[in-house]
Amino acid sequence: MAHRRSKLEPTASSAVMFGEELRFYRELAGYTQEELAKLLHCDRTVLTRCESGKRRMQPELVEDADRLLNTGGLLKRLWDRVDWNAEIEHPDWFQEYAEMEAEAVGLRLFQYGYVHGLLQCSDYAREMFRAGDAAGKPELIAERMTARIGRQQRFLAPDGPLLMVVLDESAIRTELGGPAVMRRQMQHLLDVARLPNVSIQVAPFGGRRTVVKMSMVLLEMPDGRNWVYSESLDRGHLSDAPAIVAAHRRGYDLLRGEVLSVRESLELLADAMEGYRDGEVRDRRERLAQEQLQRARRGGLRRGGPHVPFPRRRSGA
C-alpha cells in the first residue's frame, strides 16, 4: 500500500516545512524517530525538535538523512533555503542553547551584571530564581536548580571541556541575597578556578578600550563549527554565521588582553569575599541589636506598660 502524505496545515515557517518533509520521508522509509536517531548518532529528542521546526538540524546530519532516506539530496536543498537565524524564535529558545552547551568541547564567555549559571553556587542560583519569574514557586525553583547543577557537572570536572570566563566587575559587585550568599559565591569562584580546564578573569570598571555591549558565549562544537550565543530581553540568539562569530571572537580576544590577569583576578575575588565577610558580620550585629531592642520593648510592656505618674497624697490631708 502506497504511503499517503497526511494533510498539512499552511505555515509561514520554512523551518516547520523542512521538519514536515523530514518526518514525511522518515515515515515513508518505515523508520521511527528512535530508529532514525540511532542511525544518525543523535538523541531522539534532537530529531523530534528538528521535525517540529524548533531546532536547526546540523548540516552533516541532513546529508546523512538524505542518504539513509534516499531523498536524492532534497532535504539538504530545502535546508539550504531556510534562514535559520530568523526562523528559530520559539519560546523554548534556551533549550536549544543548553543542548549545544552539553555537546560543546569549549566555551568562552563574557558576563555582565551577575555570575554566569555555570559558575553559580547553589545559594546564589536559588536567589537568582527567587528574583525572577519563579518567585513564590518552590517546585519550579527546585526543578530549575536541578537543571542548573546538571549543566555545571561536565564543565566543573577536572577533565571537563575548556571553560574560559571573563566576568565584568559588576558581576561580583552586584549583591544578590545578602553578604553571606555573596561570600559563598566568591569562595565558589575561587574553588572552581583551581580546576585545570577553567580560567576566570575579571574585567575591572574603567580603563578598557574594548567595549563588549552584551553578555555572550562562544561555543566550540565537536565538528569544529563555532557558534555565538547572546540574550536580549525576551529571547536568545544563536548564530554560526562566520562573519558574526568572527566579529564577536575578535571583541572577546581584544577584551581579554585588557582585563586583569588570572592571578590578579583571583586576588580581587578574594578581596571581594573578605568584604562580603565584613558585611555579613555587620548584618549579624545589626540583627542582634534589633532583636535585643525588640526584647527590651516587649519586656517593658509585660511589666505593665508605660509609667503613668499619680499625684502623691500629702500627710494630714
C-alpha atoms as a PDB file:
ATOM      1  CA  MET A   1       0.000   0.000   0.000  1.00  0.00           C
ATOM      2  CA  ALA A   2       1.412   3.365  -1.022  1.00  0.00           C
ATOM      3  CA  HIS A   3       2.325   5.747   1.757  1.00  0.00           C
ATOM      4  CA  ARG A   4      -0.032   8.703   1.689  1.00  0.00           C
ATOM      5  CA  ARG A   5       1.086  12.112   2.873  1.00  0.00           C
ATOM      6  CA  SER A   6      -1.139  13.456   5.632  1.00  0.00           C
ATOM      7  CA  LYS A   7      -2.845  16.768   5.018  1.00  0.00           C
ATOM      8  CA  LEU A   8      -0.689  19.637   6.253  1.00  0.00           C
ATOM      9  CA  GLU A   9      -1.880  22.988   7.510  1.00  0.00           C
ATOM     10  CA  PRO A  10      -0.495  26.104   5.767  1.00  0.00           C
ATOM     11  CA  THR A  11       2.547  27.536   7.510  1.00  0.00           C
ATOM     12  CA  ALA A  12       4.651  30.671   7.039  1.00  0.00           C
ATOM     13  CA  SER A  13       7.664  28.998   8.632  1.00  0.00           C
ATOM     14  CA  SER A  14      10.208  27.411   6.307  1.00  0.00           C
ATOM     15  CA  ALA A  15      11.796  25.677   9.336  1.00  0.00           C
ATOM     16  CA  VAL A  16       8.479  23.945  10.045  1.00  0.00           C
ATOM     17  CA  MET A  17       8.132  22.971   6.380  1.00  0.00           C
ATOM     18  CA  PHE A  18      11.610  21.434   6.440  1.00  0.00           C
ATOM     19  CA  GLY A  19      10.670  19.479   9.558  1.00  0.00           C
ATOM     20  CA  GLU A  20       7.479  18.210   7.929  1.00  0.00           C
ATOM     21  CA  GLU A  21       9.421  16.964   4.882  1.00  0.00           C
ATOM     22  CA  LEU A  22      11.921  15.244   7.145  1.00  0.00           C
ATOM     23  CA  ARG A  23       9.122  13.496   9.018  1.00  0.00           C
ATOM     24  CA  PHE A  24       7.367  12.512   5.755  1.00  0.00           C
ATOM     25  CA  TYR A  25      10.438  10.827   4.275  1.00  0.00           C
ATOM     26  CA  ARG A  26      11.291   9.160   7.597  1.00  0.00           C
ATOM     27  CA  GLU A  27       7.821   7.603   7.794  1.00  0.00           C
ATOM     28  CA  LEU A  28       7.949   6.699   4.071  1.00  0.00           C
ATOM     29  CA  ALA A  29      11.165   4.778   4.737  1.00  0.00           C
ATOM     30  CA  GLY A  30       9.493   2.980   7.665  1.00  0.00           C
ATOM     31  CA  TYR A  31      11.668   4.377  10.468  1.00  0.00           C
ATOM     32  CA  THR A  32      10.513   5.503  13.892  1.00  0.00           C
ATOM     33  CA  GLN A  33      12.135   8.612  15.354  1.00  0.00           C
ATOM     34  CA  GLU A  34      14.175   6.483  17.722  1.00  0.00           C
ATOM     35  CA  GLU A  35      15.399   4.184  14.926  1.00  0.00           C
ATOM     36  CA  LEU A  36      16.474   7.046  12.651  1.00  0.00           C
ATOM     37  CA  ALA A  37      18.093   8.906  15.569  1.00  0.00           C
ATOM     38  CA  LYS A  38      20.266   5.847  16.297  1.00  0.00           C
ATOM     39  CA  LEU A  39      21.355   5.663  12.653  1.00  0.00           C
ATOM     40  CA  LEU A  40      22.175   9.401  12.742  1.00  0.00           C
ATOM     41  CA  HIS A  41      24.023   9.013  16.063  1.00  0.00           C
ATOM     42  CA  CYS A  42      21.928  11.656  17.819  1.00  0.00           C
ATOM     43  CA  ASP A  43      19.338  11.676  20.588  1.00  0.00           C
ATOM     44  CA  ARG A  44      15.691  11.087  19.689  1.00  0.00           C
ATOM     45  CA  THR A  45      14.714  14.439  21.269  1.00  0.00           C
ATOM     46  CA  VAL A  46      17.028  16.213  18.799  1.00  0.00           C
ATOM     47  CA  LEU A  47      15.193  14.619  15.880  1.00  0.00           C
ATOM     48  CA  THR A  48      11.820  15.433  17.461  1.00  0.00           C
ATOM     49  CA  ARG A  49      12.696  19.115  17.709  1.00  0.00           C
ATOM     50  CA  CYS A  50      14.070  19.188  14.155  1.00  0.00           C
ATOM     51  CA  GLU A  51      10.841  17.685  12.812  1.00  0.00           C
ATOM     52  CA  SER A  52       8.774  20.263  14.672  1.00  0.00           C
ATOM     53  CA  GLY A  53      10.839  23.152  13.279  1.00  0.00           C
ATOM     54  CA  LYS A  54      12.160  24.096  16.706  1.00  0.00           C
ATOM     55  CA  ARG A  55      15.800  23.197  16.146  1.00  0.00           C
ATOM     56  CA  ARG A  56      18.294  23.757  13.364  1.00  0.00           C
ATOM     57  CA  MET A  57      19.486  20.364  12.158  1.00  0.00           C
ATOM     58  CA  GLN A  58      23.236  20.112  11.760  1.00  0.00           C
ATOM     59  CA  PRO A  59      24.201  20.046   8.037  1.00  0.00           C
ATOM     60  CA  GLU A  60      26.102  16.761   8.311  1.00  0.00           C
ATOM     61  CA  LEU A  61      23.009  15.148   9.863  1.00  0.00           C
ATOM     62  CA  VAL A  62      20.910  16.464   6.969  1.00  0.00           C
ATOM     63  CA  GLU A  63      23.302  14.885   4.471  1.00  0.00           C
ATOM     64  CA  ASP A  64      23.236  11.581   6.375  1.00  0.00           C
ATOM     65  CA  ALA A  65      19.424  11.697   6.480  1.00  0.00           C
ATOM     66  CA  ASP A  66      19.317  12.304   2.710  1.00  0.00           C
ATOM     67  CA  ARG A  67      21.424   9.196   2.193  1.00  0.00           C
ATOM     68  CA  LEU A  68      19.532   6.983   4.675  1.00  0.00           C
ATOM     69  CA  LEU A  69      16.104   8.074   3.441  1.00  0.00           C
ATOM     70  CA  ASN A  70      17.102   8.012  -0.237  1.00  0.00           C
ATOM     71  CA  THR A  71      15.751  11.501  -0.983  1.00  0.00           C
ATOM     72  CA  GLY A  72      18.262  12.377  -3.672  1.00  0.00           C
ATOM     73  CA  GLY A  73      19.559  15.396  -1.741  1.00  0.00           C
ATOM     74  CA  LEU A  74      16.118  17.026  -1.379  1.00  0.00           C
ATOM     75  CA  LEU A  75      16.454  17.621   2.368  1.00  0.00           C
ATOM     76  CA  LYS A  76      19.804  19.370   2.008  1.00  0.00           C
ATOM     77  CA  ARG A  77      18.430  21.615  -0.763  1.00  0.00           C
ATOM     78  CA  LEU A  78      15.469  22.570   1.467  1.00  0.00           C
ATOM     79  CA  TRP A  79      17.769  23.065   4.460  1.00  0.00           C
ATOM     80  CA  ASP A  80      19.964  25.463   2.460  1.00  0.00           C
ATOM     81  CA  ARG A  81      16.936  27.653   1.687  1.00  0.00           C
ATOM     82  CA  VAL A  82      15.897  28.142   5.324  1.00  0.00           C
ATOM     83  CA  ASP A  83      17.078  31.320   7.077  1.00  0.00           C
ATOM     84  CA  TRP A  84      17.707  29.550  10.362  1.00  0.00           C
ATOM     85  CA  ASN A  85      18.786  32.678  12.241  1.00  0.00           C
ATOM     86  CA  ALA A  86      15.408  34.273  11.518  1.00  0.00           C
ATOM     87  CA  GLU A  87      13.322  31.129  11.976  1.00  0.00           C
ATOM     88  CA  ILE A  88      14.415  29.865  15.379  1.00  0.00           C
ATOM     89  CA  GLU A  89      12.496  32.262  17.637  1.00  0.00           C
ATOM     90  CA  HIS A  90      10.416  29.772  19.596  1.00  0.00           C
ATOM     91  CA  PRO A  91       9.640  30.206  23.324  1.00  0.00           C
ATOM     92  CA  ASP A  92      11.992  27.420  24.382  1.00  0.00           C
ATOM     93  CA  TRP A  93      14.991  29.084  22.724  1.00  0.00           C
ATOM     94  CA  PHE A  94      17.205  28.422  25.743  1.00  0.00           C
ATOM     95  CA  GLN A  95      16.699  24.670  25.403  1.00  0.00           C
ATOM     96  CA  GLU A  96      18.483  24.684  22.041  1.00  0.00           C
ATOM     97  CA  TYR A  97      21.433  26.521  23.554  1.00  0.00           C
ATOM     98  CA  ALA A  98      21.518  24.125  26.529  1.00  0.00           C
ATOM     99  CA  GLU A  99      21.604  21.132  24.178  1.00  0.00           C
ATOM    100  CA  MET A 100      24.530  22.634  22.278  1.00  0.00           C
ATOM    101  CA  GLU A 101      26.282  23.564  25.526  1.00  0.00           C
ATOM    102  CA  ALA A 102      26.038  19.915  26.599  1.00  0.00           C
ATOM    103  CA  GLU A 103      27.930  18.879  23.447  1.00  0.00           C
ATOM    104  CA  ALA A 104      30.481  21.716  23.268  1.00  0.00           C
ATOM    105  CA  VAL A 105      34.178  20.962  23.656  1.00  0.00           C
ATOM    106  CA  GLY A 106      34.933  24.525  24.722  1.00  0.00           C
ATOM    107  CA  LEU A 107      33.188  27.690  25.912  1.00  0.00           C
ATOM    108  CA  ARG A 108      34.471  31.251  26.019  1.00  0.00           C
ATOM    109  CA  LEU A 109      32.087  33.585  27.780  1.00  0.00           C
ATOM    110  CA  PHE A 110      31.749  37.173  28.921  1.00  0.00           C
ATOM    111  CA  GLN A 111      29.179  38.042  31.577  1.00  0.00           C
ATOM    112  CA  TYR A 112      27.763  41.358  32.801  1.00  0.00           C
ATOM    113  CA  GLY A 113      25.804  42.035  35.982  1.00  0.00           C
ATOM    114  CA  TYR A 114      25.676  38.592  37.591  1.00  0.00           C
ATOM    115  CA  VAL A 115      27.706  35.394  37.782  1.00  0.00           C
ATOM    116  CA  HIS A 116      27.112  33.050  34.854  1.00  0.00           C
ATOM    117  CA  GLY A 117      24.951  29.977  35.543  1.00  0.00           C
ATOM    118  CA  LEU A 118      27.821  27.525  35.019  1.00  0.00           C
ATOM    119  CA  LEU A 119      29.714  29.195  37.886  1.00  0.00           C
ATOM    120  CA  GLN A 120      26.897  29.778  40.383  1.00  0.00           C
ATOM    121  CA  CYS A 121      26.892  28.107  43.790  1.00  0.00           C
ATOM    122  CA  SER A 122      23.555  26.661  44.909  1.00  0.00           C
ATOM    123  CA  ASP A 123      22.671  29.532  47.281  1.00  0.00           C
ATOM    124  CA  TYR A 124      23.366  32.167  44.615  1.00  0.00           C
ATOM    125  CA  ALA A 125      21.425  30.246  41.959  1.00  0.00           C
ATOM    126  CA  ARG A 126      18.437  29.897  44.297  1.00  0.00           C
ATOM    127  CA  GLU A 127      18.402  33.650  44.877  1.00  0.00           C
ATOM    128  CA  MET A 128      18.567  34.232  41.122  1.00  0.00           C
ATOM    129  CA  PHE A 129      15.475  32.090  40.583  1.00  0.00           C
ATOM    130  CA  ARG A 130      13.643  33.686  43.514  1.00  0.00           C
ATOM    131  CA  ALA A 131      14.223  37.098  41.972  1.00  0.00           C
ATOM    132  CA  GLY A 132      12.812  36.005  38.600  1.00  0.00           C
ATOM    133  CA  ASP A 133       9.576  34.560  37.280  1.00  0.00           C
ATOM    134  CA  ALA A 134       9.896  31.548  39.609  1.00  0.00           C
ATOM    135  CA  ALA A 135       9.358  33.754  42.694  1.00  0.00           C
ATOM    136  CA  GLY A 136       6.931  32.099  45.115  1.00  0.00           C
ATOM    137  CA  LYS A 137       7.036  28.788  43.199  1.00  0.00           C
ATOM    138  CA  PRO A 138       9.243  26.413  45.221  1.00  0.00           C
ATOM    139  CA  GLU A 139       8.629  23.426  42.922  1.00  0.00           C
ATOM    140  CA  LEU A 140       9.699  25.417  39.854  1.00  0.00           C
ATOM    141  CA  ILE A 141      12.757  26.722  41.711  1.00  0.00           C
ATOM    142  CA  ALA A 142      13.724  23.156  42.677  1.00  0.00           C
ATOM    143  CA  GLU A 143      13.290  21.998  39.082  1.00  0.00           C
ATOM    144  CA  ARG A 144      15.461  24.801  37.736  1.00  0.00           C
ATOM    145  CA  MET A 145      18.075  24.219  40.421  1.00  0.00           C
ATOM    146  CA  THR A 146      18.369  20.579  39.368  1.00  0.00           C
ATOM    147  CA  ALA A 147      18.750  21.581  35.720  1.00  0.00           C
ATOM    148  CA  ARG A 148      21.394  24.208  36.514  1.00  0.00           C
ATOM    149  CA  ILE A 149      23.502  21.889  38.661  1.00  0.00           C
ATOM    150  CA  GLY A 150      23.217  19.256  35.939  1.00  0.00           C
ATOM    151  CA  ARG A 151      24.559  21.693  33.331  1.00  0.00           C
ATOM    152  CA  GLN A 152      27.543  22.508  35.521  1.00  0.00           C
ATOM    153  CA  GLN A 153      28.773  18.978  36.172  1.00  0.00           C
ATOM    154  CA  ARG A 154      30.633  18.278  32.927  1.00  0.00           C
ATOM    155  CA  PHE A 155      32.393  21.664  32.987  1.00  0.00           C
ATOM    156  CA  LEU A 156      33.369  21.525  36.666  1.00  0.00           C
ATOM    157  CA  ALA A 157      35.028  18.122  36.376  1.00  0.00           C
ATOM    158  CA  PRO A 158      38.852  18.075  36.289  1.00  0.00           C
ATOM    159  CA  ASP A 159      38.809  16.599  32.768  1.00  0.00           C
ATOM    160  CA  GLY A 160      35.902  18.756  31.615  1.00  0.00           C
ATOM    161  CA  PRO A 161      35.691  20.901  28.467  1.00  0.00           C
ATOM    162  CA  LEU A 162      37.603  24.166  28.263  1.00  0.00           C
ATOM    163  CA  LEU A 163      35.791  26.971  30.118  1.00  0.00           C
ATOM    164  CA  MET A 164      37.313  30.432  29.702  1.00  0.00           C
ATOM    165  CA  VAL A 165      35.429  33.122  31.607  1.00  0.00           C
ATOM    166  CA  VAL A 166      35.633  36.911  31.685  1.00  0.00           C
ATOM    167  CA  LEU A 167      33.400  38.414  34.377  1.00  0.00           C
ATOM    168  CA  ASP A 168      32.643  42.109  34.277  1.00  0.00           C
ATOM    169  CA  GLU A 169      33.342  43.546  37.733  1.00  0.00           C
ATOM    170  CA  SER A 170      29.620  44.308  38.035  1.00  0.00           C
ATOM    171  CA  ALA A 171      29.029  40.549  38.261  1.00  0.00           C
ATOM    172  CA  ILE A 172      30.901  40.331  41.555  1.00  0.00           C
ATOM    173  CA  ARG A 173      29.863  43.729  42.978  1.00  0.00           C
ATOM    174  CA  THR A 174      26.103  43.358  42.440  1.00  0.00           C
ATOM    175  CA  GLU A 175      24.883  41.939  45.754  1.00  0.00           C
ATOM    176  CA  LEU A 176      22.316  39.172  45.474  1.00  0.00           C
ATOM    177  CA  GLY A 177      20.801  37.515  48.536  1.00  0.00           C
ATOM    178  CA  GLY A 178      22.928  39.429  51.044  1.00  0.00           C
ATOM    179  CA  PRO A 179      26.612  39.341  52.069  1.00  0.00           C
ATOM    180  CA  ALA A 180      26.534  35.707  53.276  1.00  0.00           C
ATOM    181  CA  VAL A 181      25.358  34.430  49.882  1.00  0.00           C
ATOM    182  CA  MET A 182      27.879  36.604  48.041  1.00  0.00           C
ATOM    183  CA  ARG A 183      30.725  35.408  50.273  1.00  0.00           C
ATOM    184  CA  ARG A 184      29.871  31.791  49.468  1.00  0.00           C
ATOM    185  CA  GLN A 185      29.679  32.669  45.763  1.00  0.00           C
ATOM    186  CA  MET A 186      33.131  34.287  45.819  1.00  0.00           C
ATOM    187  CA  GLN A 187      34.543  31.207  47.558  1.00  0.00           C
ATOM    188  CA  HIS A 188      32.913  29.014  44.908  1.00  0.00           C
ATOM    189  CA  LEU A 189      34.593  31.014  42.137  1.00  0.00           C
ATOM    190  CA  LEU A 190      37.965  30.645  43.848  1.00  0.00           C
ATOM    191  CA  ASP A 191      37.424  26.888  44.178  1.00  0.00           C
ATOM    192  CA  VAL A 192      36.328  26.451  40.577  1.00  0.00           C
ATOM    193  CA  ALA A 193      39.295  28.494  39.328  1.00  0.00           C
ATOM    194  CA  ARG A 194      41.628  25.754  40.623  1.00  0.00           C
ATOM    195  CA  LEU A 195      40.325  23.298  38.013  1.00  0.00           C
ATOM    196  CA  PRO A 196      42.799  22.759  35.159  1.00  0.00           C
ATOM    197  CA  ASN A 197      40.180  23.316  32.451  1.00  0.00           C
ATOM    198  CA  VAL A 198      38.831  26.598  33.905  1.00  0.00           C
ATOM    199  CA  SER A 199      40.178  30.133  33.564  1.00  0.00           C
ATOM    200  CA  ILE A 200      38.472  33.084  35.302  1.00  0.00           C
ATOM    201  CA  GLN A 201      39.417  36.711  34.712  1.00  0.00           C
ATOM    202  CA  VAL A 202      37.757  39.935  35.838  1.00  0.00           C
ATOM    203  CA  ALA A 203      37.234  42.965  33.626  1.00  0.00           C
ATOM    204  CA  PRO A 204      37.521  45.877  36.109  1.00  0.00           C
ATOM    205  CA  PHE A 205      35.442  49.025  35.996  1.00  0.00           C
ATOM    206  CA  GLY A 206      37.045  51.618  33.725  1.00  0.00           C
ATOM    207  CA  GLY A 207      40.337  51.617  31.888  1.00  0.00           C
ATOM    208  CA  ARG A 208      39.135  49.494  28.945  1.00  0.00           C
ATOM    209  CA  ARG A 209      39.254  50.495  25.311  1.00  0.00           C
ATOM    210  CA  THR A 210      37.309  47.485  24.020  1.00  0.00           C
ATOM    211  CA  VAL A 211      33.565  47.718  24.545  1.00  0.00           C
ATOM    212  CA  VAL A 212      31.558  44.481  24.544  1.00  0.00           C
ATOM    213  CA  LYS A 213      27.923  45.553  24.627  1.00  0.00           C
ATOM    214  CA  MET A 214      26.304  42.381  25.979  1.00  0.00           C
ATOM    215  CA  SER A 215      26.964  39.084  27.704  1.00  0.00           C
ATOM    216  CA  MET A 216      27.840  36.351  25.231  1.00  0.00           C
ATOM    217  CA  VAL A 217      29.056  32.780  24.899  1.00  0.00           C
ATOM    218  CA  LEU A 218      31.311  31.475  22.134  1.00  0.00           C
ATOM    219  CA  LEU A 219      30.810  27.732  21.650  1.00  0.00           C
ATOM    220  CA  GLU A 220      33.270  25.358  20.005  1.00  0.00           C
ATOM    221  CA  MET A 221      31.497  22.187  18.846  1.00  0.00           C
ATOM    222  CA  PRO A 222      32.943  18.692  18.276  1.00  0.00           C
ATOM    223  CA  ASP A 223      32.649  19.098  14.494  1.00  0.00           C
ATOM    224  CA  GLY A 224      34.864  22.208  14.619  1.00  0.00           C
ATOM    225  CA  ARG A 225      31.985  24.601  13.969  1.00  0.00           C
ATOM    226  CA  ASN A 226      31.851  27.741  16.130  1.00  0.00           C
ATOM    227  CA  TRP A 227      28.701  29.444  17.380  1.00  0.00           C
ATOM    228  CA  VAL A 228      27.910  32.601  19.328  1.00  0.00           C
ATOM    229  CA  TYR A 229      25.021  32.907  21.785  1.00  0.00           C
ATOM    230  CA  SER A 230      23.604  36.037  23.400  1.00  0.00           C
ATOM    231  CA  GLU A 231      20.327  37.098  25.002  1.00  0.00           C
ATOM    232  CA  SER A 232      18.021  40.078  24.647  1.00  0.00           C
ATOM    233  CA  LEU A 233      15.092  40.865  26.929  1.00  0.00           C
ATOM    234  CA  ASP A 234      12.811  38.063  25.784  1.00  0.00           C
ATOM    235  CA  ARG A 235      14.784  35.582  23.696  1.00  0.00           C
ATOM    236  CA  GLY A 236      18.158  34.097  22.899  1.00  0.00           C
ATOM    237  CA  HIS A 237      20.168  34.440  19.706  1.00  0.00           C
ATOM    238  CA  LEU A 238      22.292  31.634  18.257  1.00  0.00           C
ATOM    239  CA  SER A 239      24.390  32.096  15.138  1.00  0.00           C
ATOM    240  CA  ASP A 240      27.137  30.226  13.320  1.00  0.00           C
ATOM    241  CA  ALA A 241      27.387  32.801  10.540  1.00  0.00           C
ATOM    242  CA  PRO A 242      31.172  33.147  10.033  1.00  0.00           C
ATOM    243  CA  ALA A 243      31.134  36.955   9.930  1.00  0.00           C
ATOM    244  CA  ILE A 244      29.078  37.240  13.128  1.00  0.00           C
ATOM    245  CA  VAL A 245      31.146  34.671  15.020  1.00  0.00           C
ATOM    246  CA  ALA A 246      34.406  36.284  13.860  1.00  0.00           C
ATOM    247  CA  ALA A 247      33.284  39.759  14.991  1.00  0.00           C
ATOM    248  CA  HIS A 248      32.340  38.548  18.478  1.00  0.00           C
ATOM    249  CA  ARG A 249      35.504  36.446  18.793  1.00  0.00           C
ATOM    250  CA  ARG A 250      37.623  39.459  17.852  1.00  0.00           C
ATOM    251  CA  GLY A 251      35.932  41.602  20.508  1.00  0.00           C
ATOM    252  CA  TYR A 252      36.356  38.857  23.099  1.00  0.00           C
ATOM    253  CA  ASP A 253      40.057  38.359  22.342  1.00  0.00           C
ATOM    254  CA  LEU A 254      40.743  42.104  22.457  1.00  0.00           C
ATOM    255  CA  LEU A 255      38.909  42.371  25.785  1.00  0.00           C
ATOM    256  CA  ARG A 256      40.920  39.506  27.304  1.00  0.00           C
ATOM    257  CA  GLY A 257      44.062  41.459  26.507  1.00  0.00           C
ATOM    258  CA  GLU A 258      42.845  44.377  28.666  1.00  0.00           C
ATOM    259  CA  VAL A 259      41.393  42.614  31.717  1.00  0.00           C
ATOM    260  CA  LEU A 260      43.160  41.564  34.906  1.00  0.00           C
ATOM    261  CA  SER A 261      45.449  38.553  34.732  1.00  0.00           C
ATOM    262  CA  VAL A 262      44.228  35.281  36.241  1.00  0.00           C
ATOM    263  CA  ARG A 263      46.317  35.883  39.362  1.00  0.00           C
ATOM    264  CA  GLU A 264      45.132  39.485  39.750  1.00  0.00           C
ATOM    265  CA  SER A 265      41.549  38.359  39.196  1.00  0.00           C
ATOM    266  CA  LEU A 266      41.754  35.733  41.935  1.00  0.00           C
ATOM    267  CA  GLU A 267      43.198  38.344  44.297  1.00  0.00           C
ATOM    268  CA  LEU A 268      40.250  40.646  43.501  1.00  0.00           C
ATOM    269  CA  LEU A 269      37.788  37.797  44.153  1.00  0.00           C
ATOM    270  CA  ALA A 270      39.479  37.065  47.490  1.00  0.00           C
ATOM    271  CA  ASP A 271      39.282  40.744  48.458  1.00  0.00           C
ATOM    272  CA  ALA A 272      35.613  40.819  47.483  1.00  0.00           C
ATOM    273  CA  MET A 273      34.982  37.726  49.604  1.00  0.00           C
ATOM    274  CA  GLU A 274      36.556  39.402  52.640  1.00  0.00           C
ATOM    275  CA  GLY A 275      34.439  42.495  52.029  1.00  0.00           C
ATOM    276  CA  TYR A 276      31.293  40.387  51.995  1.00  0.00           C
ATOM    277  CA  ARG A 277      32.512  38.622  55.151  1.00  0.00           C
ATOM    278  CA  ASP A 278      32.721  42.022  56.882  1.00  0.00           C
ATOM    279  CA  GLY A 279      29.253  42.835  55.565  1.00  0.00           C
ATOM    280  CA  GLU A 280      27.961  39.548  56.958  1.00  0.00           C
ATOM    281  CA  VAL A 281      29.388  40.407  60.403  1.00  0.00           C
ATOM    282  CA  ARG A 282      27.753  43.846  60.271  1.00  0.00           C
ATOM    283  CA  ASP A 283      24.452  42.243  59.296  1.00  0.00           C
ATOM    284  CA  ARG A 284      24.673  39.874  62.278  1.00  0.00           C
ATOM    285  CA  ARG A 285      25.408  42.713  64.671  1.00  0.00           C
ATOM    286  CA  GLU A 286      22.531  44.770  63.311  1.00  0.00           C
ATOM    287  CA  ARG A 287      20.130  41.825  63.571  1.00  0.00           C
ATOM    288  CA  LEU A 288      21.297  41.092  67.131  1.00  0.00           C
ATOM    289  CA  ALA A 289      20.893  44.734  68.156  1.00  0.00           C
ATOM    290  CA  GLN A 290      17.425  44.818  66.621  1.00  0.00           C
ATOM    291  CA  GLU A 291      16.411  41.611  68.397  1.00  0.00           C
ATOM    292  CA  GLN A 292      17.693  42.927  71.746  1.00  0.00           C
ATOM    293  CA  LEU A 293      15.804  46.184  71.257  1.00  0.00           C
ATOM    294  CA  GLN A 294      12.593  44.295  70.470  1.00  0.00           C
ATOM    295  CA  ARG A 295      13.029  42.048  73.529  1.00  0.00           C
ATOM    296  CA  ALA A 296      13.563  45.082  75.722  1.00  0.00           C
ATOM    297  CA  ARG A 297      10.403  46.689  74.381  1.00  0.00           C
ATOM    298  CA  ARG A 298       8.390  43.508  74.892  1.00  0.00           C
ATOM    299  CA  GLY A 299       9.760  43.207  78.437  1.00  0.00           C
ATOM    300  CA  GLY A 300       8.695  46.767  79.225  1.00  0.00           C
ATOM    301  CA  LEU A 301       5.154  46.054  78.084  1.00  0.00           C
ATOM    302  CA  ARG A 302       4.974  42.870  80.205  1.00  0.00           C
ATOM    303  CA  ARG A 303       5.857  44.891  83.321  1.00  0.00           C
ATOM    304  CA  GLY A 304       2.715  46.944  82.960  1.00  0.00           C
ATOM    305  CA  GLY A 305       3.416  49.258  80.061  1.00  0.00           C
ATOM    306  CA  PRO A 306       4.488  52.875  80.210  1.00  0.00           C
ATOM    307  CA  HIS A 307       4.730  54.555  83.673  1.00  0.00           C
ATOM    308  CA  VAL A 308       1.846  56.920  84.395  1.00  0.00           C
ATOM    309  CA  PRO A 309       2.577  59.173  87.434  1.00  0.00           C
ATOM    310  CA  PHE A 310      -0.148  59.749  90.062  1.00  0.00           C
ATOM    311  CA  PRO A 311      -0.241  62.738  92.451  1.00  0.00           C
ATOM    312  CA  ARG A 312       1.103  61.943  95.946  1.00  0.00           C
ATOM    313  CA  ARG A 313      -1.256  62.196  98.924  1.00  0.00           C
ATOM    314  CA  ARG A 314       0.025  64.713 101.357  1.00  0.00           C
ATOM    315  CA  SER A 315       0.161  63.728 105.019  1.00  0.00           C
ATOM    316  CA  GLY A 316      -2.655  65.107 107.130  1.00  0.00           C
ATOM    317  CA  ALA A 317      -4.958  65.545 104.196  1.00  0.00           C
END
